[in-house]
Amino acid sequence: MPQHEYFVYIMASSTGTLYVGVTSNLEKRVVEHQQGLIEGFTKKYGCNKLIYFEQTSDVRSALEREKQIKNWRREKKQNLLKTLNPQWKDLSLEW
């Protein structure tokens, strides 16, 4: 059976608005956000910079982790980002 990959990710706008999502195809989803192809929060607030992601092969743990991070206060999200991507560099630029 082929192993699937799931990603929990955080997108940011130029003004610091954060969006937390989950997907099975990170590169495709990031391009969709960057090109404004997904209606809703990320398009409205311009969240088009990938600043964090983590990967798992278990869809349930990905969905639980997404929910966990979404429920965090902004300060806790910023602390996570500060340790792994303190400059909020767009990680998709490395692809």
C-alpha atoms as a PDB file:
ATOM      1  CA  MET A   1       0.000   0.000   0.000  1.00  0.00           C
ATOM      2  CA  PRO A   2       1.473   3.396  -0.955  1.00  0.00           C
ATOM      3  CA  GLN A   3       2.284   5.699   1.916  1.00  0.00           C
ATOM      4  CA  HIS A   4       0.551   9.061   1.903  1.00  0.00           C
ATOM      5  CA  GLU A   5       2.012  12.286   3.191  1.00  0.00           C
ATOM      6  CA  TYR A   6       0.078  15.017   4.939  1.00  0.00           C
ATOM      7  CA  PHE A   7       1.266  18.489   5.822  1.00  0.00           C
ATOM      8  CA  VAL A   8       0.202  20.963   8.472  1.00  0.00           C
ATOM      9  CA  TYR A   9       1.299  24.392   7.309  1.00  0.00           C
ATOM     10  CA  ILE A  10       1.195  28.073   8.183  1.00  0.00           C
ATOM     11  CA  MET A  11       0.834  30.815   5.598  1.00  0.00           C
ATOM     12  CA  ALA A  12       1.410  34.494   6.412  1.00  0.00           C
ATOM     13  CA  SER A  13       0.454  37.797   4.844  1.00  0.00           C
ATOM     14  CA  SER A  14       2.764  40.780   4.498  1.00  0.00           C
ATOM     15  CA  THR A  15       0.967  42.337   7.477  1.00  0.00           C
ATOM     16  CA  GLY A  16       1.456  39.284   9.711  1.00  0.00           C
ATOM     17  CA  THR A  17      -1.931  37.601   9.421  1.00  0.00           C
ATOM     18  CA  LEU A  18      -1.543  33.832   9.912  1.00  0.00           C
ATOM     19  CA  TYR A  19      -3.448  30.933   8.401  1.00  0.00           C
ATOM     20  CA  VAL A  20      -3.086  27.305   9.505  1.00  0.00           C
ATOM     21  CA  GLY A  21      -4.084  24.541   7.107  1.00  0.00           C
ATOM     22  CA  VAL A  22      -3.629  20.882   6.242  1.00  0.00           C
ATOM     23  CA  THR A  23      -3.107  19.259   2.840  1.00  0.00           C
ATOM     24  CA  SER A  24      -1.822  16.142   1.146  1.00  0.00           C
ATOM     25  CA  ASN A  25      -0.022  18.138  -1.567  1.00  0.00           C
ATOM     26  CA  LEU A  26       1.870  21.039  -0.032  1.00  0.00           C
ATOM     27  CA  GLU A  27       3.444  22.468  -3.186  1.00  0.00           C
ATOM     28  CA  LYS A  28       0.122  22.513  -5.054  1.00  0.00           C
ATOM     29  CA  ARG A  29      -1.739  24.065  -2.126  1.00  0.00           C
ATOM     30  CA  VAL A  30       0.870  26.783  -1.604  1.00  0.00           C
ATOM     31  CA  VAL A  31       0.706  27.727  -5.302  1.00  0.00           C
ATOM     32  CA  GLU A  32      -3.095  27.875  -5.027  1.00  0.00           C
ATOM     33  CA  HIS A  33      -2.788  30.267  -2.070  1.00  0.00           C
ATOM     34  CA  GLN A  34      -0.136  32.369  -3.808  1.00  0.00           C
ATOM     35  CA  GLN A  35      -2.211  32.718  -6.974  1.00  0.00           C
ATOM     36  CA  GLY A  36      -5.423  33.473  -5.070  1.00  0.00           C
ATOM     37  CA  LEU A  37      -7.188  30.383  -6.411  1.00  0.00           C
ATOM     38  CA  ILE A  38      -8.730  29.432  -3.054  1.00  0.00           C
ATOM     39  CA  GLU A  39     -11.653  31.588  -2.004  1.00  0.00           C
ATOM     40  CA  GLY A  40     -11.835  32.520   1.643  1.00  0.00           C
ATOM     41  CA  PHE A  41      -9.515  33.635   4.407  1.00  0.00           C
ATOM     42  CA  THR A  42      -6.133  33.373   2.679  1.00  0.00           C
ATOM     43  CA  LYS A  43      -7.319  35.210  -0.419  1.00  0.00           C
ATOM     44  CA  LYS A  44      -9.111  37.892   1.599  1.00  0.00           C
ATOM     45  CA  TYR A  45      -6.109  38.579   3.843  1.00  0.00           C
ATOM     46  CA  GLY A  46      -3.312  37.897   1.338  1.00  0.00           C
ATOM     47  CA  CYS A  47      -1.748  34.963   3.170  1.00  0.00           C
ATOM     48  CA  ASN A  48       0.599  33.856   0.420  1.00  0.00           C
ATOM     49  CA  LYS A  49       3.922  33.163   2.129  1.00  0.00           C
ATOM     50  CA  LEU A  50       4.673  29.654   3.442  1.00  0.00           C
ATOM     51  CA  ILE A  51       6.450  30.165   6.759  1.00  0.00           C
ATOM     52  CA  TYR A  52       6.063  26.772   8.452  1.00  0.00           C
ATOM     53  CA  PHE A  53       5.154  23.182   7.739  1.00  0.00           C
ATOM     54  CA  GLU A  54       5.413  19.768   9.290  1.00  0.00           C
ATOM     55  CA  GLN A  55       4.838  16.394   7.697  1.00  0.00           C
ATOM     56  CA  THR A  56       3.217  13.130   8.809  1.00  0.00           C
ATOM     57  CA  SER A  57       1.963   9.932   7.211  1.00  0.00           C
ATOM     58  CA  ASP A  58      -1.107   9.819   9.469  1.00  0.00           C
ATOM     59  CA  VAL A  59      -4.063  11.917   8.334  1.00  0.00           C
ATOM     60  CA  ARG A  60      -5.680  11.863  11.792  1.00  0.00           C
ATOM     61  CA  SER A  61      -2.591  13.236  13.489  1.00  0.00           C
ATOM     62  CA  ALA A  62      -2.311  15.923  10.788  1.00  0.00           C
ATOM     63  CA  LEU A  63      -5.910  17.013  11.373  1.00  0.00           C
ATOM     64  CA  GLU A  64      -5.432  16.953  15.163  1.00  0.00           C
ATOM     65  CA  ARG A  65      -2.234  18.985  14.889  1.00  0.00           C
ATOM     66  CA  GLU A  66      -3.932  21.540  12.615  1.00  0.00           C
ATOM     67  CA  LYS A  67      -6.745  21.914  15.138  1.00  0.00           C
ATOM     68  CA  GLN A  68      -4.239  22.196  18.001  1.00  0.00           C
ATOM     69  CA  ILE A  69      -2.228  24.967  16.323  1.00  0.00           C
ATOM     70  CA  LYS A  70      -5.384  26.816  15.234  1.00  0.00           C
ATOM     71  CA  ASN A  71      -6.513  26.899  18.862  1.00  0.00           C
ATOM     72  CA  TRP A  72      -3.225  28.373  20.085  1.00  0.00           C
ATOM     73  CA  ARG A  73      -2.988  32.040  20.933  1.00  0.00           C
ATOM     74  CA  ARG A  74      -1.007  34.115  18.464  1.00  0.00           C
ATOM     75  CA  GLU A  75       1.916  34.366  20.891  1.00  0.00           C
ATOM     76  CA  LYS A  76       2.321  30.587  21.018  1.00  0.00           C
ATOM     77  CA  LYS A  77       2.232  30.374  17.206  1.00  0.00           C
ATOM     78  CA  GLN A  78       4.876  33.100  17.037  1.00  0.00           C
ATOM     79  CA  ASN A  79       7.066  31.172  19.499  1.00  0.00           C
ATOM     80  CA  LEU A  80       6.853  28.093  17.274  1.00  0.00           C
ATOM     81  CA  LEU A  81       7.839  30.183  14.259  1.00  0.00           C
ATOM     82  CA  LYS A  82      10.583  31.974  16.184  1.00  0.00           C
ATOM     83  CA  THR A  83      12.391  28.697  16.858  1.00  0.00           C
ATOM     84  CA  LEU A  84      12.133  27.294  13.315  1.00  0.00           C
ATOM     85  CA  ASN A  85      11.815  30.297  10.978  1.00  0.00           C
ATOM     86  CA  PRO A  86      12.548  33.502  12.931  1.00  0.00           C
ATOM     87  CA  GLN A  87      12.676  35.738   9.821  1.00  0.00           C
ATOM     88  CA  TRP A  88       9.395  34.295   8.477  1.00  0.00           C
ATOM     89  CA  LYS A  89      11.245  33.469   5.257  1.00  0.00           C
ATOM     90  CA  ASP A  90       9.023  32.109   2.489  1.00  0.00           C
ATOM     91  CA  LEU A  91       9.951  28.424   2.502  1.00  0.00           C
ATOM     92  CA  SER A  92       8.392  27.835  -0.921  1.00  0.00           C
ATOM     93  CA  LEU A  93      11.165  29.922  -2.526  1.00  0.00           C
ATOM     94  CA  GLU A  94      13.522  26.968  -1.940  1.00  0.00           C
ATOM     95  CA  TRP A  95      11.507  24.689  -4.261  1.00  0.00           C
END
